[in-house]
Amino acid sequence: MLMADEEAVMKVARDRGKSTAVKGIKKLEVLSDPKTEFLRMLSEAGLPADEQVYKGIASAADLARIEQRCLRFEQLCKCVHAC
């Protein structure tokens, strides 16, 4: 889900003085290997794949944007709001 908000990835990259040009992934639900695509995105931004980067992206993430782009997350949100 972290890769659903490339703006959050770019924010973390900017905060670390790295490249902010990251290509978003258009069709998240059809990825056969999402981890590889996420690692590509991090590499493109000049970010390591570590806990601090993941925390930063999660903190900067726009949940409404992720909900719009990721069907499974949208379903989760609907279930949570229905409780």
PDB file of N, CA and C in Angstrom:
ATOM      1  N   MET A   1       0.804  -1.196   0.000  1.00  0.00           N
ATOM      2  CA  MET A   1       0.000   0.000   0.000  1.00  0.00           C
ATOM      3  C   MET A   1       0.848   1.262   0.000  1.00  0.00           C
ATOM      4  N   LEU A   2       2.059   1.200   0.522  1.00  0.00           N
ATOM      5  CA  LEU A   2       2.886   2.401   0.568  1.00  0.00           C
ATOM      6  C   LEU A   2       3.177   2.953  -0.813  1.00  0.00           C
ATOM      7  N   MET A   3       3.232   2.090  -1.806  1.00  0.00           N
ATOM      8  CA  MET A   3       3.545   2.574  -3.148  1.00  0.00           C
ATOM      9  C   MET A   3       2.346   3.207  -3.830  1.00  0.00           C
ATOM     10  N   ALA A   4       1.178   3.138  -3.208  1.00  0.00           N
ATOM     11  CA  ALA A   4      -0.004   3.751  -3.795  1.00  0.00           C
ATOM     12  C   ALA A   4       0.049   5.272  -3.711  1.00  0.00           C
ATOM     13  N   ASP A   5       0.919   5.805  -2.867  1.00  0.00           N
ATOM     14  CA  ASP A   5       1.045   7.259  -2.731  1.00  0.00           C
ATOM     15  C   ASP A   5       2.480   7.670  -3.047  1.00  0.00           C
ATOM     16  N   GLU A   6       2.761   7.860  -4.329  1.00  0.00           N
ATOM     17  CA  GLU A   6       4.119   8.254  -4.721  1.00  0.00           C
ATOM     18  C   GLU A   6       4.480   9.633  -4.200  1.00  0.00           C
ATOM     19  N   GLU A   7       3.472  10.459  -3.869  1.00  0.00           N
ATOM     20  CA  GLU A   7       3.749  11.775  -3.281  1.00  0.00           C
ATOM     21  C   GLU A   7       4.441  11.612  -1.929  1.00  0.00           C
ATOM     22  N   ALA A   8       4.035  10.611  -1.163  1.00  0.00           N
ATOM     23  CA  ALA A   8       4.665  10.357   0.133  1.00  0.00           C
ATOM     24  C   ALA A   8       6.113   9.898  -0.055  1.00  0.00           C
ATOM     25  N   VAL A   9       6.347   9.055  -1.058  1.00  0.00           N
ATOM     26  CA  VAL A   9       7.710   8.611  -1.363  1.00  0.00           C
ATOM     27  C   VAL A   9       8.564   9.818  -1.736  1.00  0.00           C
ATOM     28  N   MET A  10       8.016  10.710  -2.574  1.00  0.00           N
ATOM     29  CA  MET A  10       8.768  11.894  -2.997  1.00  0.00           C
ATOM     30  C   MET A  10       9.031  12.840  -1.832  1.00  0.00           C
ATOM     31  N   LYS A  11       8.096  12.933  -0.880  1.00  0.00           N
ATOM     32  CA  LYS A  11       8.299  13.791   0.290  1.00  0.00           C
ATOM     33  C   LYS A  11       9.472  13.283   1.121  1.00  0.00           C
ATOM     34  N   VAL A  12       9.505  11.977   1.358  1.00  0.00           N
ATOM     35  CA  VAL A  12      10.608  11.396   2.135  1.00  0.00           C
ATOM     36  C   VAL A  12      11.930  11.621   1.396  1.00  0.00           C
ATOM     37  N   ALA A  13      11.918  11.440   0.094  1.00  0.00           N
ATOM     38  CA  ALA A  13      13.129  11.674  -0.702  1.00  0.00           C
ATOM     39  C   ALA A  13      13.566  13.131  -0.589  1.00  0.00           C
ATOM     40  N   ARG A  14      12.628  14.059  -0.718  1.00  0.00           N
ATOM     41  CA  ARG A  14      12.943  15.492  -0.588  1.00  0.00           C
ATOM     42  C   ARG A  14      13.536  15.797   0.771  1.00  0.00           C
ATOM     43  N   ASP A  15      12.915  15.253   1.819  1.00  0.00           N
ATOM     44  CA  ASP A  15      13.385  15.492   3.189  1.00  0.00           C
ATOM     45  C   ASP A  15      14.809  14.991   3.400  1.00  0.00           C
ATOM     46  N   ARG A  16      15.219  14.006   2.615  1.00  0.00           N
ATOM     47  CA  ARG A  16      16.563  13.437   2.720  1.00  0.00           C
ATOM     48  C   ARG A  16      17.515  13.987   1.661  1.00  0.00           C
ATOM     49  N   GLY A  17      17.054  14.979   0.899  1.00  0.00           N
ATOM     50  CA  GLY A  17      17.893  15.584  -0.124  1.00  0.00           C
ATOM     51  C   GLY A  17      18.146  14.691  -1.328  1.00  0.00           C
ATOM     52  N   LYS A  18      17.205  13.812  -1.611  1.00  0.00           N
ATOM     53  CA  LYS A  18      17.346  12.857  -2.721  1.00  0.00           C
ATOM     54  C   LYS A  18      16.466  13.271  -3.896  1.00  0.00           C
ATOM     55  N   SER A  19      16.496  12.479  -4.932  1.00  0.00           N
ATOM     56  CA  SER A  19      15.683  12.718  -6.128  1.00  0.00           C
ATOM     57  C   SER A  19      14.204  12.691  -5.765  1.00  0.00           C
ATOM     58  N   THR A  20      13.465  13.611  -6.337  1.00  0.00           N
ATOM     59  CA  THR A  20      12.027  13.629  -6.060  1.00  0.00           C
ATOM     60  C   THR A  20      11.213  13.188  -7.267  1.00  0.00           C
ATOM     61  N   ALA A  21      11.880  12.825  -8.336  1.00  0.00           N
ATOM     62  CA  ALA A  21      11.156  12.372  -9.528  1.00  0.00           C
ATOM     63  C   ALA A  21      10.929  10.867  -9.442  1.00  0.00           C
ATOM     64  N   VAL A  22       9.696  10.487  -9.160  1.00  0.00           N
ATOM     65  CA  VAL A  22       9.339   9.073  -9.034  1.00  0.00           C
ATOM     66  C   VAL A  22       8.129   8.804  -9.917  1.00  0.00           C
ATOM     67  N   LYS A  23       8.214   7.758 -10.705  1.00  0.00           N
ATOM     68  CA  LYS A  23       7.073   7.365 -11.538  1.00  0.00           C
ATOM     69  C   LYS A  23       6.069   6.604 -10.684  1.00  0.00           C
ATOM     70  N   GLY A  24       4.829   7.032 -10.735  1.00  0.00           N
ATOM     71  CA  GLY A  24       3.784   6.316 -10.027  1.00  0.00           C
ATOM     72  C   GLY A  24       3.421   5.033 -10.757  1.00  0.00           C
ATOM     73  N   ILE A  25       2.767   4.159 -10.057  1.00  0.00           N
ATOM     74  CA  ILE A  25       2.319   2.898 -10.642  1.00  0.00           C
ATOM     75  C   ILE A  25       0.817   3.016 -10.865  1.00  0.00           C
ATOM     76  N   LYS A  26       0.405   2.880 -12.111  1.00  0.00           N
ATOM     77  CA  LYS A  26      -0.983   3.147 -12.466  1.00  0.00           C
ATOM     78  C   LYS A  26      -1.961   2.065 -12.013  1.00  0.00           C
ATOM     79  N   LYS A  27      -1.662   0.815 -12.261  1.00  0.00           N
ATOM     80  CA  LYS A  27      -2.609  -0.262 -11.957  1.00  0.00           C
ATOM     81  C   LYS A  27      -2.027  -1.159 -10.869  1.00  0.00           C
ATOM     82  N   LEU A  28      -2.258  -0.779  -9.635  1.00  0.00           N
ATOM     83  CA  LEU A  28      -1.676  -1.490  -8.496  1.00  0.00           C
ATOM     84  C   LEU A  28      -2.206  -2.912  -8.357  1.00  0.00           C
ATOM     85  N   GLU A  29      -3.477  -3.103  -8.615  1.00  0.00           N
ATOM     86  CA  GLU A  29      -4.118  -4.391  -8.362  1.00  0.00           C
ATOM     87  C   GLU A  29      -3.645  -5.502  -9.297  1.00  0.00           C
ATOM     88  N   VAL A  30      -3.037  -5.151 -10.419  1.00  0.00           N
ATOM     89  CA  VAL A  30      -2.638  -6.174 -11.383  1.00  0.00           C
ATOM     90  C   VAL A  30      -1.144  -6.511 -11.313  1.00  0.00           C
ATOM     91  N   LEU A  31      -0.436  -5.926 -10.385  1.00  0.00           N
ATOM     92  CA  LEU A  31       0.998  -6.200 -10.265  1.00  0.00           C
ATOM     93  C   LEU A  31       1.225  -7.639  -9.826  1.00  0.00           C
ATOM     94  N   SER A  32       2.072  -8.328 -10.547  1.00  0.00           N
ATOM     95  CA  SER A  32       2.376  -9.704 -10.163  1.00  0.00           C
ATOM     96  C   SER A  32       3.430  -9.745  -9.059  1.00  0.00           C
ATOM     97  N   ASP A  33       4.263  -8.709  -8.980  1.00  0.00           N
ATOM     98  CA  ASP A  33       5.321  -8.661  -7.970  1.00  0.00           C
ATOM     99  C   ASP A  33       5.423  -7.242  -7.406  1.00  0.00           C
ATOM    100  N   PRO A  34       4.474  -6.864  -6.526  1.00  0.00           N
ATOM    101  CA  PRO A  34       4.452  -5.490  -6.031  1.00  0.00           C
ATOM    102  C   PRO A  34       5.712  -5.086  -5.256  1.00  0.00           C
ATOM    103  N   LYS A  35       6.330  -6.020  -4.565  1.00  0.00           N
ATOM    104  CA  LYS A  35       7.526  -5.678  -3.792  1.00  0.00           C
ATOM    105  C   LYS A  35       8.644  -5.186  -4.715  1.00  0.00           C
ATOM    106  N   THR A  36       8.831  -5.871  -5.839  1.00  0.00           N
ATOM    107  CA  THR A  36       9.860  -5.461  -6.791  1.00  0.00           C
ATOM    108  C   THR A  36       9.574  -4.063  -7.326  1.00  0.00           C
ATOM    109  N   GLU A  37       8.317  -3.779  -7.615  1.00  0.00           N
ATOM    110  CA  GLU A  37       7.947  -2.448  -8.112  1.00  0.00           C
ATOM    111  C   GLU A  37       8.180  -1.381  -7.051  1.00  0.00           C
ATOM    112  N   PHE A  38       7.873  -1.695  -5.794  1.00  0.00           N
ATOM    113  CA  PHE A  38       8.091  -0.735  -4.712  1.00  0.00           C
ATOM    114  C   PHE A  38       9.587  -0.484  -4.522  1.00  0.00           C
ATOM    115  N   LEU A  39      10.383  -1.532  -4.587  1.00  0.00           N
ATOM    116  CA  LEU A  39      11.836  -1.366  -4.462  1.00  0.00           C
ATOM    117  C   LEU A  39      12.391  -0.539  -5.626  1.00  0.00           C
ATOM    118  N   ARG A  40      11.814  -0.707  -6.814  1.00  0.00           N
ATOM    119  CA  ARG A  40      12.216   0.110  -7.960  1.00  0.00           C
ATOM    120  C   ARG A  40      11.911   1.580  -7.689  1.00  0.00           C
ATOM    121  N   MET A  41      10.730   1.832  -7.129  1.00  0.00           N
ATOM    122  CA  MET A  41      10.321   3.192  -6.811  1.00  0.00           C
ATOM    123  C   MET A  41      11.272   3.817  -5.788  1.00  0.00           C
ATOM    124  N   LEU A  42      11.621   3.056  -4.757  1.00  0.00           N
ATOM    125  CA  LEU A  42      12.558   3.564  -3.754  1.00  0.00           C
ATOM    126  C   LEU A  42      13.916   3.852  -4.371  1.00  0.00           C
ATOM    127  N   SER A  43      14.397   2.951  -5.204  1.00  0.00           N
ATOM    128  CA  SER A  43      15.678   3.126  -5.868  1.00  0.00           C
ATOM    129  C   SER A  43      15.664   4.369  -6.753  1.00  0.00           C
ATOM    130  N   GLU A  44      14.581   4.554  -7.468  1.00  0.00           N
ATOM    131  CA  GLU A  44      14.426   5.718  -8.339  1.00  0.00           C
ATOM    132  C   GLU A  44      14.509   7.017  -7.529  1.00  0.00           C
ATOM    133  N   ALA A  45      14.011   6.964  -6.294  1.00  0.00           N
ATOM    134  CA  ALA A  45      14.033   8.139  -5.419  1.00  0.00           C
ATOM    135  C   ALA A  45      15.345   8.255  -4.645  1.00  0.00           C
ATOM    136  N   GLY A  46      16.217   7.259  -4.783  1.00  0.00           N
ATOM    137  CA  GLY A  46      17.480   7.279  -4.057  1.00  0.00           C
ATOM    138  C   GLY A  46      17.328   6.938  -2.584  1.00  0.00           C
ATOM    139  N   LEU A  47      16.302   6.155  -2.270  1.00  0.00           N
ATOM    140  CA  LEU A  47      16.018   5.795  -0.880  1.00  0.00           C
ATOM    141  C   LEU A  47      16.352   4.335  -0.612  1.00  0.00           C
ATOM    142  N   PRO A  48      16.880   4.047   0.586  1.00  0.00           N
ATOM    143  CA  PRO A  48      17.104   2.652   0.949  1.00  0.00           C
ATOM    144  C   PRO A  48      15.780   1.999   1.364  1.00  0.00           C
ATOM    145  N   ALA A  49      15.728   0.703   1.266  1.00  0.00           N
ATOM    146  CA  ALA A  49      14.545  -0.047   1.703  1.00  0.00           C
ATOM    147  C   ALA A  49      14.752  -0.430   3.158  1.00  0.00           C
ATOM    148  N   ASP A  50      14.516   0.541   4.050  1.00  0.00           N
ATOM    149  CA  ASP A  50      14.717   0.256   5.476  1.00  0.00           C
ATOM    150  C   ASP A  50      13.542   0.780   6.302  1.00  0.00           C
ATOM    151  N   GLU A  51      13.564   0.419   7.566  1.00  0.00           N
ATOM    152  CA  GLU A  51      12.455   0.723   8.466  1.00  0.00           C
ATOM    153  C   GLU A  51      12.178   2.226   8.567  1.00  0.00           C
ATOM    154  N   GLN A  52      13.220   3.043   8.611  1.00  0.00           N
ATOM    155  CA  GLN A  52      13.032   4.489   8.749  1.00  0.00           C
ATOM    156  C   GLN A  52      12.340   5.077   7.520  1.00  0.00           C
ATOM    157  N   VAL A  53      12.723   4.603   6.348  1.00  0.00           N
ATOM    158  CA  VAL A  53      12.073   5.076   5.116  1.00  0.00           C
ATOM    159  C   VAL A  53      10.611   4.637   5.109  1.00  0.00           C
ATOM    160  N   TYR A  54      10.353   3.396   5.462  1.00  0.00           N
ATOM    161  CA  TYR A  54       8.974   2.906   5.500  1.00  0.00           C
ATOM    162  C   TYR A  54       8.134   3.728   6.480  1.00  0.00           C
ATOM    163  N   LYS A  55       8.692   4.034   7.648  1.00  0.00           N
ATOM    164  CA  LYS A  55       7.975   4.853   8.637  1.00  0.00           C
ATOM    165  C   LYS A  55       7.681   6.237   8.076  1.00  0.00           C
ATOM    166  N   GLY A  56       8.668   6.825   7.423  1.00  0.00           N
ATOM    167  CA  GLY A  56       8.481   8.149   6.845  1.00  0.00           C
ATOM    168  C   GLY A  56       7.401   8.170   5.788  1.00  0.00           C
ATOM    169  N   ILE A  57       7.411   7.165   4.920  1.00  0.00           N
ATOM    170  CA  ILE A  57       6.388   7.089   3.872  1.00  0.00           C
ATOM    171  C   ILE A  57       5.011   6.879   4.495  1.00  0.00           C
ATOM    172  N   ALA A  58       4.930   5.995   5.473  1.00  0.00           N
ATOM    173  CA  ALA A  58       3.646   5.741   6.131  1.00  0.00           C
ATOM    174  C   ALA A  58       3.126   7.002   6.820  1.00  0.00           C
ATOM    175  N   SER A  59       4.008   7.771   7.437  1.00  0.00           N
ATOM    176  CA  SER A  59       3.602   9.010   8.106  1.00  0.00           C
ATOM    177  C   SER A  59       3.132  10.064   7.116  1.00  0.00           C
ATOM    178  N   ALA A  60       3.755  10.104   5.949  1.00  0.00           N
ATOM    179  CA  ALA A  60       3.420  11.112   4.944  1.00  0.00           C
ATOM    180  C   ALA A  60       2.265  10.690   4.036  1.00  0.00           C
ATOM    181  N   ALA A  61       1.891   9.438   4.094  1.00  0.00           N
ATOM    182  CA  ALA A  61       0.886   8.900   3.168  1.00  0.00           C
ATOM    183  C   ALA A  61      -0.477   9.550   3.349  1.00  0.00           C
ATOM    184  N   ASP A  62      -1.144   9.779   2.250  1.00  0.00           N
ATOM    185  CA  ASP A  62      -2.497  10.303   2.208  1.00  0.00           C
ATOM    186  C   ASP A  62      -3.438   9.100   2.087  1.00  0.00           C
ATOM    187  N   LEU A  63      -4.100   8.765   3.182  1.00  0.00           N
ATOM    188  CA  LEU A  63      -4.944   7.569   3.191  1.00  0.00           C
ATOM    189  C   LEU A  63      -6.092   7.662   2.198  1.00  0.00           C
ATOM    190  N   ALA A  64      -6.600   8.851   1.960  1.00  0.00           N
ATOM    191  CA  ALA A  64      -7.674   9.010   0.972  1.00  0.00           C
ATOM    192  C   ALA A  64      -7.156   8.683  -0.426  1.00  0.00           C
ATOM    193  N   ARG A  65      -5.933   9.094  -0.713  1.00  0.00           N
ATOM    194  CA  ARG A  65      -5.331   8.776  -2.022  1.00  0.00           C
ATOM    195  C   ARG A  65      -5.130   7.263  -2.169  1.00  0.00           C
ATOM    196  N   ILE A  66      -4.641   6.624  -1.111  1.00  0.00           N
ATOM    197  CA  ILE A  66      -4.436   5.173  -1.159  1.00  0.00           C
ATOM    198  C   ILE A  66      -5.775   4.465  -1.333  1.00  0.00           C
ATOM    199  N   GLU A  67      -6.787   4.949  -0.646  1.00  0.00           N
ATOM    200  CA  GLU A  67      -8.116   4.353  -0.761  1.00  0.00           C
ATOM    201  C   GLU A  67      -8.634   4.452  -2.199  1.00  0.00           C
ATOM    202  N   GLN A  68      -8.373   5.574  -2.867  1.00  0.00           N
ATOM    203  CA  GLN A  68      -8.809   5.753  -4.258  1.00  0.00           C
ATOM    204  C   GLN A  68      -8.064   4.828  -5.211  1.00  0.00           C
ATOM    205  N   ARG A  69      -6.805   4.554  -4.924  1.00  0.00           N
ATOM    206  CA  ARG A  69      -5.959   3.825  -5.867  1.00  0.00           C
ATOM    207  C   ARG A  69      -5.878   2.327  -5.613  1.00  0.00           C
ATOM    208  N   CYS A  70      -6.283   1.884  -4.430  1.00  0.00           N
ATOM    209  CA  CYS A  70      -6.107   0.485  -4.066  1.00  0.00           C
ATOM    210  C   CYS A  70      -7.449  -0.117  -3.634  1.00  0.00           C
ATOM    211  N   LEU A  71      -7.981  -0.973  -4.459  1.00  0.00           N
ATOM    212  CA  LEU A  71      -9.293  -1.551  -4.215  1.00  0.00           C
ATOM    213  C   LEU A  71      -9.366  -2.275  -2.873  1.00  0.00           C
ATOM    214  N   ARG A  72      -8.363  -3.042  -2.553  1.00  0.00           N
ATOM    215  CA  ARG A  72      -8.384  -3.791  -1.282  1.00  0.00           C
ATOM    216  C   ARG A  72      -8.376  -2.850  -0.079  1.00  0.00           C
ATOM    217  N   PHE A  73      -7.621  -1.764  -0.167  1.00  0.00           N
ATOM    218  CA  PHE A  73      -7.598  -0.797   0.933  1.00  0.00           C
ATOM    219  C   PHE A  73      -8.949  -0.095   1.041  1.00  0.00           C
ATOM    220  N   GLU A  74      -9.557   0.193  -0.097  1.00  0.00           N
ATOM    221  CA  GLU A  74     -10.883   0.802  -0.098  1.00  0.00           C
ATOM    222  C   GLU A  74     -11.885  -0.118   0.614  1.00  0.00           C
ATOM    223  N   GLN A  75     -11.810  -1.406   0.332  1.00  0.00           N
ATOM    224  CA  GLN A  75     -12.706  -2.365   0.978  1.00  0.00           C
ATOM    225  C   GLN A  75     -12.464  -2.407   2.490  1.00  0.00           C
ATOM    226  N   LEU A  76     -11.198  -2.364   2.888  1.00  0.00           N
ATOM    227  CA  LEU A  76     -10.869  -2.346   4.315  1.00  0.00           C
ATOM    228  C   LEU A  76     -11.461  -1.105   4.983  1.00  0.00           C
ATOM    229  N   CYS A  77     -11.289   0.038   4.361  1.00  0.00           N
ATOM    230  CA  CYS A  77     -11.813   1.282   4.914  1.00  0.00           C
ATOM    231  C   CYS A  77     -13.337   1.238   5.081  1.00  0.00           C
ATOM    232  N   LYS A  78     -14.008   0.678   4.097  1.00  0.00           N
ATOM    233  CA  LYS A  78     -15.472   0.546   4.180  1.00  0.00           C
ATOM    234  C   LYS A  78     -15.869  -0.327   5.357  1.00  0.00           C
ATOM    235  N   CYS A  79     -15.153  -1.408   5.577  1.00  0.00           N
ATOM    236  CA  CYS A  79     -15.443  -2.297   6.705  1.00  0.00           C
ATOM    237  C   CYS A  79     -15.196  -1.605   8.036  1.00  0.00           C
ATOM    238  N   VAL A  80     -14.107  -0.861   8.112  1.00  0.00           N
ATOM    239  CA  VAL A  80     -13.778  -0.143   9.356  1.00  0.00           C
ATOM    240  C   VAL A  80     -14.835   0.913   9.643  1.00  0.00           C
ATOM    241  N   HIS A  81     -15.244   1.645   8.615  1.00  0.00           N
ATOM    242  CA  HIS A  81     -16.249   2.694   8.819  1.00  0.00           C
ATOM    243  C   HIS A  81     -17.616   2.117   9.152  1.00  0.00           C
ATOM    244  N   ALA A  82     -17.861   0.900   8.750  1.00  0.00           N
ATOM    245  CA  ALA A  82     -19.167   0.258   9.020  1.00  0.00           C
ATOM    246  C   ALA A  82     -19.265  -0.259  10.453  1.00  0.00           C
ATOM    247  N   CYS A  83     -18.142  -0.347  11.150  1.00  0.00           N
ATOM    248  CA  CYS A  83     -18.158  -0.880  12.523  1.00  0.00           C
ATOM    249  C   CYS A  83     -18.795   0.078  13.502  1.00  0.00           C
TER     250      CYS A  83
END
